[in-house]
Amino acid sequence: MTNEAVEQFDIVVIGAGISGIGAATYFSRELPGKSLAVLEGRDSIGGTWDLFRYPGIRSDSDLHTFGYEFKPWRHENAIADAPLIVDYLRETVQENRLDRFIRTGHRVTRAEWSTSEGMWTLSVTVSNSTTGETTSKTIKAGWVFAASGYYNYEEGYSPAFPGSEEFEGTLVHPQHWPENLDYSGKRVVVVGSGATAVTLVPAMLKGPAGAAHVTMLQRTPTYIVPLPRVDRVALALTKLLGERRGYAATRFKNIWTEHFLVEWLRRFPRAGRRFVRSENIKQLGKDFDVDKHFNPPYDPWDQRLCVAPDGDFFAAIKSGEASVVTDSITRFSRRGVVLGSGEELEADIIVTATGLNLQLFDGMPIVVDGKPIELADTVAYRGTLLSGIPNWAMAIGYTTSSWTLKVSLLCRYFIDLIRHMDAHGYDTVVPVAAPGMQTRPVMDLQSGYAKRGEGRLPRQGTEKPWRTMMSYPQDAKALRGDLVDGNLRFGTRPASAHRVKSVAHA
C-alpha cells in the first residue's frame, strides 16, 4: 500500500537518539521559522540507549559532558545506566515539546537530491507498531541532518568461529540480547575485551539471578581504568552554585580534565601505560598477572580506554567470581571454547561481545542528480558536511571524548550556516574538495570496528577545514570561526520550488 501524499520541510533530522533529540532542540529553539521533522525508524526514541538491552548497559562517558549543555543531569550517578539515559532523553522531548516533530516508525530508505529542485526527496517506509502494517511515503526536504549514528542497528559484528554450530549451549550477541535470558547459576564466557565485555562481566554476576562464573576471553588486552560512579565534586558544585550553574561548572571541569588526560596519554604514552598499570595493580593486587592480561600492544588512546565504575570489573575478578583468559580461539566445541593453548573453556552461555558493524545513514542509498554516492569517495568538511553532497549534514561525535560534546558544536555551526545562507539569499551549499587531496580515515582509531569500516565511511583531509578534529577545545575554536571559505559553493533553488511548507508548526 502506497501513500502518495508528499510533505515538505525545511529540515529533516534522521534519527531520534541522543544526537537527533539534541539537534531538534537546538533547531526548534534557534531556527523557529524553519519547518522541522524528526524521522525515527524504530518505534521508540533513544537510539543506542533504547536498542541495547544487555545487562548493565551504560555510558563510558560522564553524563555531565555526555548530557546536553542546555539540560542539567540531575541524577547523582555520573556514569549512568541506559534506563536513566533514556529517561533523560524523554524528559528532553517533553520539556521542549519535540513530540510535535518526532515521527517514530518512519525509516528513510533512500535519499535523492535534485539540483533542478534544490531539494531532497526522501523515500520513507512507515511501520504501524500496533497493526504491523507497512506503508510508504515521500517527504521533501531542503536540508537533511543525519543523526542516525555510525553502526548497523540490525546486525552486530560476529566473526565466523569454527565449530559454533556444535556448541550445545546458548550463543548470544549483546546487540540482540534475548528477553528473559536465564543465566542464573550458569557458566558464562564473554568473548571480547571492549566496553561491552567490561560492562557485562560484573553485571552478569549481580543478585540472586547472577551467573555462577563469568570468564572474559580476550585475544588482545585493553586499557581499563576505574572511575567513581558518583562525581562528588559535581554534587558539591551543584549544592554551592545551584543546579544550572553547578552543572555548567562540572561540565567545564570535566571537559578540560578529560582533554588534558587524553593529551597527556598521547604525548607521554610510556608514562600513561605505567599509570594505568599501577591503577590495575591497586585494584587486583601484586600477585595478579597484570602484564599478561592488561598490557595492550598499542599505546593508550590508540583505542578508547574502558571504564570500570567504582572498579566493579576488577572487584568481580578479585572475588573469584570472574576471570580473564588471554588467548586465541581455535574453535567452538560441544561444551564451550577450545583455545590456542589447547585448553577448553566450558560454558553454558557464550556471549560474543565482538563489536559493531560500522554503517552511516542506516545504509540508505544517497543519490545526487541521478548519480549514486559512494561515501568512501567523499571528504568530511568541518566534520559535518560532505564533499559533493549538497545540503546534507551529519552528526558524528567524538571517539576520544563524550559523543554529545561534538554534536552540540556541529548543531551550532549548522544553525550559523543556515542563518548566513538566509541573510545572503542562498538555499543550497555544497563543499568541494580539491582533486587529489591527501586523505586518511575519518575515524583515526586502531579499534577493530574502525578498521573494518574504513571502506564504508567518508575520509578526512590532513588540514583544516577538511580535518576532523577529535578535541573539543580545538573544535570549539574551528567551528565558531569564519563560516565561509573557498571550499563552499552556494546557490539558490528555482523559484517554483522555493517555498517549503511547515506541517509541524501548525
Protein backbone atom coordinates (compact mmCIF):
# COMPACT_ATOMS: atom_id res chain seq x y z
CA MET A 1 0.00 0.00 0.00
CA THR A 2 1.47 3.38 -1.00
CA ASN A 3 0.55 6.82 0.23
CA GLU A 4 1.35 9.36 -2.49
CA ALA A 5 0.88 12.47 -0.33
CA VAL A 6 4.13 14.48 -0.29
CA GLU A 7 5.07 16.58 2.74
CA GLN A 8 7.77 19.22 2.66
CA PHE A 9 10.07 20.51 5.37
CA ASP A 10 12.96 22.93 5.60
CA ILE A 11 14.95 20.49 7.76
CA VAL A 12 14.56 16.76 8.24
CA VAL A 13 16.54 15.19 11.08
CA ILE A 14 17.07 11.45 10.66
CA GLY A 15 17.22 9.65 13.98
CA ALA A 16 15.74 10.30 17.44
CA GLY A 17 18.64 9.14 19.56
CA ILE A 18 20.79 11.41 21.69
CA SER A 19 22.11 13.29 18.61
CA GLY A 20 18.75 13.73 16.89
CA ILE A 21 16.92 14.86 20.03
CA GLY A 22 19.68 17.33 20.77
CA ALA A 23 19.62 18.64 17.19
CA ALA A 24 15.82 19.01 17.22
CA THR A 25 16.03 21.02 20.43
CA TYR A 26 18.67 23.38 19.04
CA PHE A 27 16.92 23.83 15.69
CA SER A 28 13.43 24.38 17.12
CA ARG A 29 14.81 26.98 19.53
CA GLU A 30 17.25 28.79 17.25
CA LEU A 31 15.51 28.43 13.89
CA PRO A 32 11.85 28.83 14.84
CA GLY A 33 10.89 29.94 11.33
CA LYS A 34 12.03 26.66 9.78
CA SER A 35 9.72 23.70 9.40
CA LEU A 36 11.17 20.59 11.03
CA ALA A 37 10.58 16.86 11.14
CA VAL A 38 12.49 14.14 13.01
CA LEU A 39 12.17 10.71 11.40
CA GLU A 40 12.98 7.69 13.57
CA GLY A 41 12.94 4.21 12.04
CA ARG A 42 12.28 2.39 15.29
CA ASP A 43 9.06 2.54 17.31
CA SER A 44 10.67 4.40 20.20
CA ILE A 45 13.15 7.17 20.80
CA GLY A 46 16.53 6.76 22.47
CA GLY A 47 18.66 5.20 19.73
CA THR A 48 21.50 3.15 21.18
CA TRP A 49 20.24 3.53 24.74
CA ASP A 50 16.86 2.03 23.93
CA LEU A 51 18.09 -0.58 21.42
CA PHE A 52 20.67 -2.39 23.54
CA ARG A 53 19.22 -4.43 26.41
CA TYR A 54 22.16 -6.44 27.70
CA PRO A 55 22.82 -6.44 31.47
CA GLY A 56 24.43 -3.31 32.85
CA ILE A 57 24.47 -1.28 29.62
CA ARG A 58 25.76 2.17 30.49
CA SER A 59 27.73 5.12 29.20
CA ASP A 60 31.51 5.16 29.43
CA SER A 61 31.41 8.97 29.48
CA ASP A 62 30.24 11.04 32.42
CA LEU A 63 26.74 12.41 31.93
CA HIS A 64 27.79 15.97 32.74
CA THR A 65 29.52 16.04 29.36
CA PHE A 66 27.53 13.30 27.62
CA GLY A 67 24.33 15.15 28.53
CA TYR A 68 23.21 18.32 26.78
CA GLU A 69 24.62 21.71 27.70
CA PHE A 70 21.05 23.08 27.91
CA LYS A 71 19.70 20.39 30.28
CA PRO A 72 21.41 19.61 33.58
CA TRP A 73 22.00 15.99 34.51
CA ARG A 74 20.20 15.58 37.83
CA HIS A 75 20.94 12.01 38.90
CA GLU A 76 23.82 11.54 41.34
CA ASN A 77 25.39 8.82 39.16
CA ALA A 78 27.74 10.49 36.70
CA ILE A 79 28.30 7.13 34.98
CA ALA A 80 24.73 6.15 34.21
CA ASP A 81 22.91 3.02 33.09
CA ALA A 82 20.88 3.12 29.89
CA PRO A 83 17.41 3.39 31.53
CA LEU A 84 18.49 6.63 33.24
CA ILE A 85 19.77 8.00 29.94
CA VAL A 86 16.50 7.11 28.18
CA ASP A 87 14.55 8.86 30.95
CA TYR A 88 16.74 11.94 30.43
CA LEU A 89 16.02 11.89 26.69
CA ARG A 90 12.28 11.52 27.27
CA GLU A 91 12.36 14.48 29.64
CA THR A 92 14.15 16.50 26.96
CA VAL A 93 11.45 15.63 24.43
CA GLN A 94 8.69 16.57 26.86
CA GLU A 95 10.26 19.81 28.10
CA ASN A 96 10.90 21.06 24.55
CA ARG A 97 7.65 19.73 23.05
CA LEU A 98 9.63 17.75 20.49
CA ASP A 99 6.73 15.34 20.05
CA ARG A 100 5.48 17.95 17.54
CA PHE A 101 8.33 16.95 15.26
CA ILE A 102 9.21 13.33 16.05
CA ARG A 103 7.70 10.55 13.97
CA THR A 104 8.61 7.07 15.09
CA GLY A 105 8.27 4.10 12.76
CA HIS A 106 9.49 6.28 9.86
CA ARG A 107 12.59 4.75 8.26
CA VAL A 108 14.27 6.68 5.45
CA THR A 109 15.30 4.11 2.86
CA ARG A 110 16.60 6.36 0.06
CA ALA A 111 17.65 9.99 -0.36
CA GLU A 112 17.78 11.67 -3.77
CA TRP A 113 18.96 15.22 -4.40
CA SER A 114 17.75 17.19 -7.40
CA THR A 115 19.66 20.32 -8.36
CA SER A 116 16.76 21.41 -10.57
CA GLU A 117 14.51 21.38 -7.49
CA GLY A 118 17.19 22.33 -5.00
CA MET A 119 15.72 19.77 -2.65
CA TRP A 120 15.96 16.25 -1.26
CA THR A 121 13.36 13.58 -1.97
CA LEU A 122 13.26 11.03 0.82
CA SER A 123 11.67 7.61 0.41
CA VAL A 124 10.20 6.62 3.76
CA THR A 125 8.82 3.29 5.00
CA VAL A 126 6.20 3.80 7.69
CA SER A 127 5.50 0.95 10.13
CA ASN A 128 2.46 0.72 12.38
CA SER A 129 3.61 -0.98 15.59
CA THR A 130 0.03 -1.91 16.52
CA THR A 131 -1.21 -3.47 13.29
CA GLY A 132 2.14 -4.40 11.74
CA GLU A 133 1.04 -2.67 8.54
CA THR A 134 3.74 -1.05 6.41
CA THR A 135 3.18 1.82 4.00
CA SER A 136 5.46 4.07 2.00
CA LYS A 137 5.56 7.82 1.60
CA THR A 138 7.66 10.57 0.09
CA ILE A 139 8.98 13.55 2.03
CA LYS A 140 10.74 16.57 0.52
CA ALA A 141 13.47 18.32 2.49
CA GLY A 142 15.52 21.45 1.95
CA TRP A 143 18.15 20.07 4.34
CA VAL A 144 18.91 16.66 5.80
CA PHE A 145 20.65 16.44 9.17
CA ALA A 146 21.65 12.79 9.61
CA ALA A 147 21.77 11.87 13.29
CA SER A 148 21.41 8.13 12.86
CA GLY A 149 24.68 7.06 14.46
CA TYR A 150 27.53 5.20 12.83
CA TYR A 151 26.76 1.50 13.11
CA ASN A 152 24.36 -1.09 11.75
CA TYR A 153 21.34 -1.27 14.05
CA GLU A 154 20.19 -4.54 12.54
CA GLU A 155 23.31 -6.65 12.92
CA GLY A 156 26.34 -6.64 15.20
CA TYR A 157 29.75 -7.97 14.21
CA SER A 158 30.14 -11.70 14.74
CA PRO A 159 33.23 -13.36 13.28
CA ALA A 160 32.81 -16.88 11.95
CA PHE A 161 34.04 -19.15 14.73
CA PRO A 162 34.75 -22.71 13.54
CA GLY A 163 32.52 -25.25 15.24
CA SER A 164 29.98 -22.72 16.52
CA GLU A 165 27.18 -24.95 15.25
CA GLU A 166 28.43 -27.73 17.56
CA PHE A 167 28.03 -25.68 20.73
CA GLU A 168 25.14 -27.12 22.75
CA GLY A 169 24.67 -24.11 24.98
CA THR A 170 23.25 -20.66 24.23
CA LEU A 171 25.10 -18.31 21.88
CA VAL A 172 24.28 -14.60 22.27
CA HIS A 173 25.37 -11.30 20.70
CA PRO A 174 24.87 -8.28 23.00
CA GLN A 175 23.14 -6.30 20.24
CA HIS A 176 20.41 -8.96 20.13
CA TRP A 177 20.08 -9.87 23.79
CA PRO A 178 17.19 -12.33 24.28
CA GLU A 179 14.42 -11.15 26.54
CA ASN A 180 14.39 -13.08 29.83
CA LEU A 181 17.65 -14.90 29.15
CA ASP A 182 18.25 -17.06 32.22
CA TYR A 183 21.91 -17.13 33.19
CA SER A 184 21.44 -17.75 36.91
CA GLY A 185 23.93 -20.31 38.14
CA LYS A 186 25.37 -20.72 34.63
CA ARG A 187 28.96 -20.66 33.41
CA VAL A 188 29.34 -17.74 31.02
CA VAL A 189 32.18 -16.94 28.61
CA VAL A 190 32.22 -13.40 27.23
CA VAL A 191 34.33 -13.21 24.08
CA GLY A 192 35.82 -9.74 23.71
CA SER A 193 37.63 -7.09 25.71
CA GLY A 194 35.92 -3.83 24.81
CA ALA A 195 33.48 -1.65 26.74
CA THR A 196 30.60 -4.11 26.32
CA ALA A 197 32.59 -7.04 27.75
CA VAL A 198 33.89 -4.92 30.63
CA THR A 199 30.29 -3.95 31.41
CA LEU A 200 28.85 -7.47 31.11
CA VAL A 201 31.31 -9.28 33.37
CA PRO A 202 30.29 -7.66 36.68
CA ALA A 203 26.66 -7.07 35.63
CA MET A 204 26.00 -10.78 35.00
CA LEU A 205 27.16 -11.65 38.50
CA LYS A 206 24.78 -9.34 40.37
CA GLY A 207 21.93 -10.53 42.55
CA PRO A 208 20.45 -13.95 43.24
CA ALA A 209 19.89 -14.48 39.50
CA GLY A 210 23.57 -13.95 38.75
CA ALA A 211 25.81 -16.33 36.87
CA ALA A 212 27.93 -18.91 38.68
CA HIS A 213 31.08 -17.67 36.97
CA VAL A 214 31.88 -15.27 34.12
CA THR A 215 35.09 -15.52 32.09
CA MET A 216 36.21 -12.72 29.80
CA LEU A 217 38.08 -14.36 26.93
CA GLN A 218 40.22 -11.84 25.09
CA ARG A 219 42.64 -12.15 22.24
CA THR A 220 44.19 -8.74 22.97
CA PRO A 221 44.18 -6.85 26.29
CA THR A 222 42.51 -3.46 26.70
CA TYR A 223 43.34 -0.47 28.89
CA ILE A 224 40.77 -0.46 31.70
CA VAL A 225 40.66 2.22 34.40
CA PRO A 226 38.45 2.57 37.49
CA LEU A 227 36.33 5.69 37.73
CA PRO A 228 33.94 6.80 40.50
CA ARG A 229 30.30 6.28 39.54
CA VAL A 230 29.34 9.34 41.61
CA ASP A 231 31.15 12.63 40.96
CA ARG A 232 31.45 14.09 44.47
CA VAL A 233 32.81 17.38 43.15
CA ALA A 234 29.77 17.71 40.91
CA LEU A 235 27.46 17.22 43.87
CA ALA A 236 29.36 19.85 45.85
CA LEU A 237 29.29 22.34 42.96
CA THR A 238 25.56 21.83 42.49
CA LYS A 239 24.93 22.38 46.22
CA LEU A 240 27.12 25.50 46.21
CA LEU A 241 26.09 27.10 42.90
CA GLY A 242 22.65 25.71 42.22
CA GLU A 243 21.53 23.21 39.60
CA ARG A 244 22.30 25.09 36.38
CA ARG A 245 25.48 26.85 37.43
CA GLY A 246 26.75 23.75 39.22
CA TYR A 247 26.09 21.67 36.10
CA ALA A 248 27.89 24.22 33.90
CA ALA A 249 30.87 24.30 36.28
CA THR A 250 31.04 20.50 36.41
CA ARG A 251 30.80 20.32 32.62
CA PHE A 252 33.65 22.83 32.27
CA LYS A 253 35.76 20.88 34.80
CA ASN A 254 35.19 17.54 33.12
CA ILE A 255 35.78 18.80 29.58
CA TRP A 256 39.20 20.14 30.46
CA THR A 257 40.14 17.28 32.76
CA GLU A 258 39.44 14.78 30.01
CA HIS A 259 41.17 16.93 27.40
CA PHE A 260 44.38 17.19 29.42
CA LEU A 261 44.27 13.47 30.27
CA VAL A 262 43.95 12.47 26.61
CA GLU A 263 46.70 14.89 25.56
CA TRP A 264 48.98 13.63 28.32
CA LEU A 265 48.40 9.98 27.43
CA ARG A 266 49.09 10.64 23.75
CA ARG A 267 52.14 12.80 24.36
CA PHE A 268 53.65 10.55 27.01
CA PRO A 269 52.36 7.04 26.20
CA ARG A 270 55.01 5.21 28.24
CA ALA A 271 54.16 7.20 31.35
CA GLY A 272 50.48 6.67 30.59
CA ARG A 273 50.99 2.94 30.32
CA ARG A 274 52.76 2.90 33.69
CA PHE A 275 49.96 4.92 35.26
CA VAL A 276 47.22 2.57 34.04
CA ARG A 277 49.30 -0.45 35.11
CA SER A 278 49.70 0.95 38.62
CA GLU A 279 45.93 1.51 38.85
CA ASN A 280 45.30 -2.07 37.75
CA ILE A 281 47.72 -3.41 40.38
CA LYS A 282 45.97 -1.35 43.06
CA GLN A 283 42.70 -2.97 42.09
CA LEU A 284 43.89 -6.55 41.61
CA GLY A 285 46.91 -6.90 43.87
CA LYS A 286 50.58 -7.56 43.15
CA ASP A 287 50.09 -11.30 42.69
CA PHE A 288 47.77 -10.88 39.71
CA ASP A 289 49.43 -11.17 36.26
CA VAL A 290 48.59 -7.63 35.13
CA ASP A 291 51.23 -7.67 32.40
CA LYS A 292 49.64 -10.66 30.71
CA HIS A 293 46.01 -9.60 30.87
CA PHE A 294 46.08 -5.79 30.95
CA ASN A 295 49.12 -4.77 28.91
CA PRO A 296 47.91 -3.91 25.38
CA PRO A 297 50.38 -3.93 22.47
CA TYR A 298 49.27 -0.40 21.48
CA ASP A 299 49.63 2.98 23.18
CA PRO A 300 46.91 4.45 25.39
CA TRP A 301 44.12 6.02 23.37
CA ASP A 302 45.06 4.40 20.06
CA GLN A 303 41.83 2.76 21.15
CA ARG A 304 39.41 4.26 23.65
CA LEU A 305 40.07 3.40 27.29
CA CYS A 306 37.40 1.32 29.01
CA VAL A 307 35.90 2.46 32.29
CA ALA A 308 35.09 0.31 35.34
CA PRO A 309 32.68 2.35 37.52
CA ASP A 310 33.82 2.10 41.15
CA GLY A 311 36.21 -0.63 39.95
CA ASP A 312 33.33 -3.14 39.61
CA PHE A 313 35.09 -5.13 36.88
CA PHE A 314 38.23 -5.55 38.98
CA ALA A 315 36.23 -6.39 42.10
CA ALA A 316 34.48 -9.21 40.22
CA ILE A 317 37.84 -10.70 39.24
CA LYS A 318 39.36 -10.27 42.68
CA SER A 319 36.37 -12.03 44.26
CA GLY A 320 36.99 -15.10 42.12
CA GLU A 321 33.52 -14.96 40.59
CA ALA A 322 35.03 -13.70 37.32
CA SER A 323 38.29 -14.38 35.50
CA VAL A 324 40.21 -13.19 32.47
CA VAL A 325 41.76 -15.50 29.90
CA THR A 326 44.08 -14.08 27.25
CA ASP A 327 44.34 -16.50 24.35
CA SER A 328 43.13 -17.14 20.82
CA ILE A 329 40.13 -19.26 19.85
CA THR A 330 40.84 -22.40 17.85
CA ARG A 331 37.19 -23.43 17.61
CA PHE A 332 33.95 -23.81 19.49
CA SER A 333 33.21 -27.24 20.87
CA ARG A 334 30.13 -29.02 22.13
CA ARG A 335 30.93 -27.91 25.68
CA GLY A 336 32.48 -24.49 25.12
CA VAL A 337 35.59 -22.97 23.54
CA VAL A 338 38.89 -24.63 22.60
CA LEU A 339 41.78 -22.18 22.97
CA GLY A 340 45.01 -21.85 21.06
CA SER A 341 46.82 -23.28 24.10
CA GLY A 342 44.69 -26.43 23.81
CA GLU A 343 42.70 -25.67 26.96
CA GLU A 344 38.91 -25.95 26.75
CA LEU A 345 36.74 -23.36 28.49
CA GLU A 346 33.44 -24.97 29.38
CA ALA A 347 30.38 -22.75 29.13
CA ASP A 348 26.61 -22.86 29.29
CA ILE A 349 26.36 -19.47 27.59
CA ILE A 350 28.80 -17.78 25.22
CA VAL A 351 28.40 -14.05 24.64
CA THR A 352 30.16 -12.77 21.51
CA ALA A 353 30.90 -9.20 22.56
CA THR A 354 32.94 -8.85 19.38
CA GLY A 355 31.85 -5.40 18.29
CA LEU A 356 29.76 -3.46 15.81
CA ASN A 357 29.47 -3.14 12.07
CA LEU A 358 30.03 0.46 11.02
CA GLN A 359 27.35 1.91 8.77
CA LEU A 360 26.39 5.52 8.22
CA PHE A 361 22.88 6.74 7.50
CA ASP A 362 21.28 3.34 8.12
CA GLY A 363 22.90 2.10 4.90
CA MET A 364 20.47 4.03 2.68
CA PRO A 365 21.43 4.85 -0.92
CA ILE A 366 22.27 8.55 -1.41
CA VAL A 367 21.84 9.81 -4.95
CA VAL A 368 22.80 13.24 -6.29
CA ASP A 369 21.31 14.18 -9.68
CA GLY A 370 20.91 10.54 -10.58
CA LYS A 371 24.43 9.51 -9.53
CA PRO A 372 24.79 7.14 -6.53
CA ILE A 373 27.27 8.43 -3.97
CA GLU A 374 30.00 6.24 -2.52
CA LEU A 375 30.65 7.61 0.95
CA ALA A 376 34.26 6.44 0.82
CA ASP A 377 34.77 8.90 -2.07
CA THR A 378 33.58 11.87 -0.01
CA VAL A 379 35.59 14.01 2.39
CA ALA A 380 34.16 15.43 5.61
CA TYR A 381 34.16 19.23 5.80
CA ARG A 382 34.43 20.58 9.37
CA GLY A 383 33.39 17.11 10.49
CA THR A 384 29.76 17.55 9.40
CA LEU A 385 29.24 18.41 5.71
CA LEU A 386 30.35 16.01 2.96
CA SER A 387 32.06 16.92 -0.30
CA GLY A 388 29.82 16.60 -3.32
CA ILE A 389 26.61 16.20 -1.29
CA PRO A 390 24.50 19.40 -1.14
CA ASN A 391 22.51 20.43 1.93
CA TRP A 392 23.47 17.35 3.91
CA ALA A 393 24.97 17.40 7.39
CA MET A 394 25.89 14.52 9.66
CA ALA A 395 26.26 14.23 13.41
CA ILE A 396 29.31 12.18 14.29
CA GLY A 397 30.59 12.75 17.81
CA TYR A 398 33.95 12.24 19.44
CA THR A 399 35.62 8.87 19.81
CA THR A 400 38.07 10.11 22.47
CA SER A 401 35.62 12.17 24.48
CA SER A 402 31.91 12.49 25.17
CA TRP A 403 29.99 11.99 21.91
CA THR A 404 27.50 14.77 22.62
CA LEU A 405 30.11 17.47 23.08
CA LYS A 406 30.87 17.46 19.37
CA VAL A 407 27.23 17.13 18.34
CA SER A 408 26.40 20.35 20.19
CA LEU A 409 29.17 22.18 18.32
CA LEU A 410 28.05 20.77 14.97
CA CYS A 411 24.47 21.89 15.63
CA ARG A 412 25.62 25.41 16.42
CA TYR A 413 27.71 25.50 13.24
CA PHE A 414 24.71 24.24 11.26
CA ILE A 415 22.48 26.98 12.73
CA ASP A 416 25.04 29.68 11.93
CA LEU A 417 25.38 28.36 8.37
CA ILE A 418 21.60 28.40 7.83
CA ARG A 419 21.41 31.96 9.16
CA HIS A 420 24.24 33.04 6.86
CA MET A 421 22.52 31.49 3.86
CA ASP A 422 19.21 33.15 4.73
CA ALA A 423 20.89 36.52 5.14
CA HIS A 424 22.52 36.27 1.70
CA GLY A 425 19.63 34.70 -0.17
CA TYR A 426 21.19 31.25 -0.59
CA ASP A 427 19.23 27.99 -0.49
CA THR A 428 21.93 25.43 -1.29
CA VAL A 429 25.54 24.77 -0.34
CA VAL A 430 27.98 22.01 -1.17
CA PRO A 431 31.62 21.56 -0.08
CA VAL A 432 34.04 20.94 -2.94
CA ALA A 433 37.28 19.09 -2.18
CA ALA A 434 40.36 19.72 -4.30
CA PRO A 435 41.14 16.84 -6.69
CA GLY A 436 43.91 14.62 -5.36
CA MET A 437 43.57 15.91 -1.81
CA GLN A 438 45.56 13.81 0.64
CA THR A 439 43.12 11.98 2.92
CA ARG A 440 43.00 9.50 5.76
CA PRO A 441 40.24 7.60 7.60
CA VAL A 442 37.65 9.82 9.27
CA MET A 443 37.96 7.73 12.47
CA ASP A 444 41.62 7.66 13.49
CA LEU A 445 41.37 4.65 15.80
CA GLN A 446 43.06 1.27 15.79
CA SER A 447 39.92 -0.49 17.09
CA GLY A 448 38.75 -3.49 15.11
CA TYR A 449 35.38 -1.94 14.28
CA ALA A 450 37.05 1.24 12.99
CA LYS A 451 39.48 -0.69 10.80
CA ARG A 452 36.74 -2.96 9.42
CA GLY A 453 34.57 0.00 8.50
CA GLU A 454 37.14 2.26 6.84
CA GLY A 455 35.99 1.41 3.33
CA ARG A 456 32.38 2.34 4.10
CA LEU A 457 32.97 5.72 5.70
CA PRO A 458 33.90 9.18 4.40
CA ARG A 459 37.50 10.32 4.54
CA GLN A 460 39.05 13.37 6.15
CA GLY A 461 41.80 15.68 4.98
CA THR A 462 45.06 16.44 6.73
CA GLU A 463 44.46 20.18 7.11
CA LYS A 464 41.58 22.33 8.31
CA PRO A 465 38.73 22.67 7.39
CA TRP A 466 38.85 19.12 5.99
CA ARG A 467 40.48 17.65 9.06
CA THR A 468 38.02 16.10 11.53
CA MET A 469 39.00 17.28 14.99
CA MET A 470 38.78 14.97 17.99
CA SER A 471 39.41 17.69 20.57
CA TYR A 472 36.60 19.82 21.98
CA PRO A 473 38.76 22.92 22.58
CA GLN A 474 40.13 22.77 19.01
CA ASP A 475 36.68 22.17 17.57
CA ALA A 476 35.09 24.95 19.60
CA LYS A 477 37.54 27.37 18.05
CA ALA A 478 37.35 25.98 14.49
CA LEU A 479 33.56 25.63 14.28
CA ARG A 480 32.93 29.06 15.77
CA GLY A 481 35.37 30.72 13.39
CA ASP A 482 34.69 32.11 9.90
CA LEU A 483 31.70 30.43 8.32
CA VAL A 484 32.62 30.91 4.68
CA ASP A 485 35.74 29.92 2.78
CA GLY A 486 36.68 28.95 -0.75
CA ASN A 487 35.64 25.32 -0.24
CA LEU A 488 31.90 26.04 -0.16
CA ARG A 489 29.72 26.62 -3.24
CA PHE A 490 26.44 28.41 -2.56
CA GLY A 491 23.39 28.57 -4.80
CA THR A 492 19.65 29.20 -4.98
CA ARG A 493 16.82 26.86 -5.84
CA PRO A 494 14.36 27.66 -8.64
CA ALA A 495 11.50 29.96 -7.62
CA SER A 496 8.96 27.24 -8.39
CA ALA A 497 10.44 25.01 -5.69
CA HIS A 498 11.33 27.73 -3.23
CA ARG A 499 8.51 27.55 -0.73
CA VAL A 500 8.84 24.74 1.79
CA LYS A 501 5.68 24.46 3.84
CA SER A 502 5.55 23.74 7.54
CA VAL A 503 3.34 20.93 8.70
CA ALA A 504 4.87 20.55 12.15
CA HIS A 505 4.50 24.26 13.02
CA ALA A 506 0.74 24.23 12.50
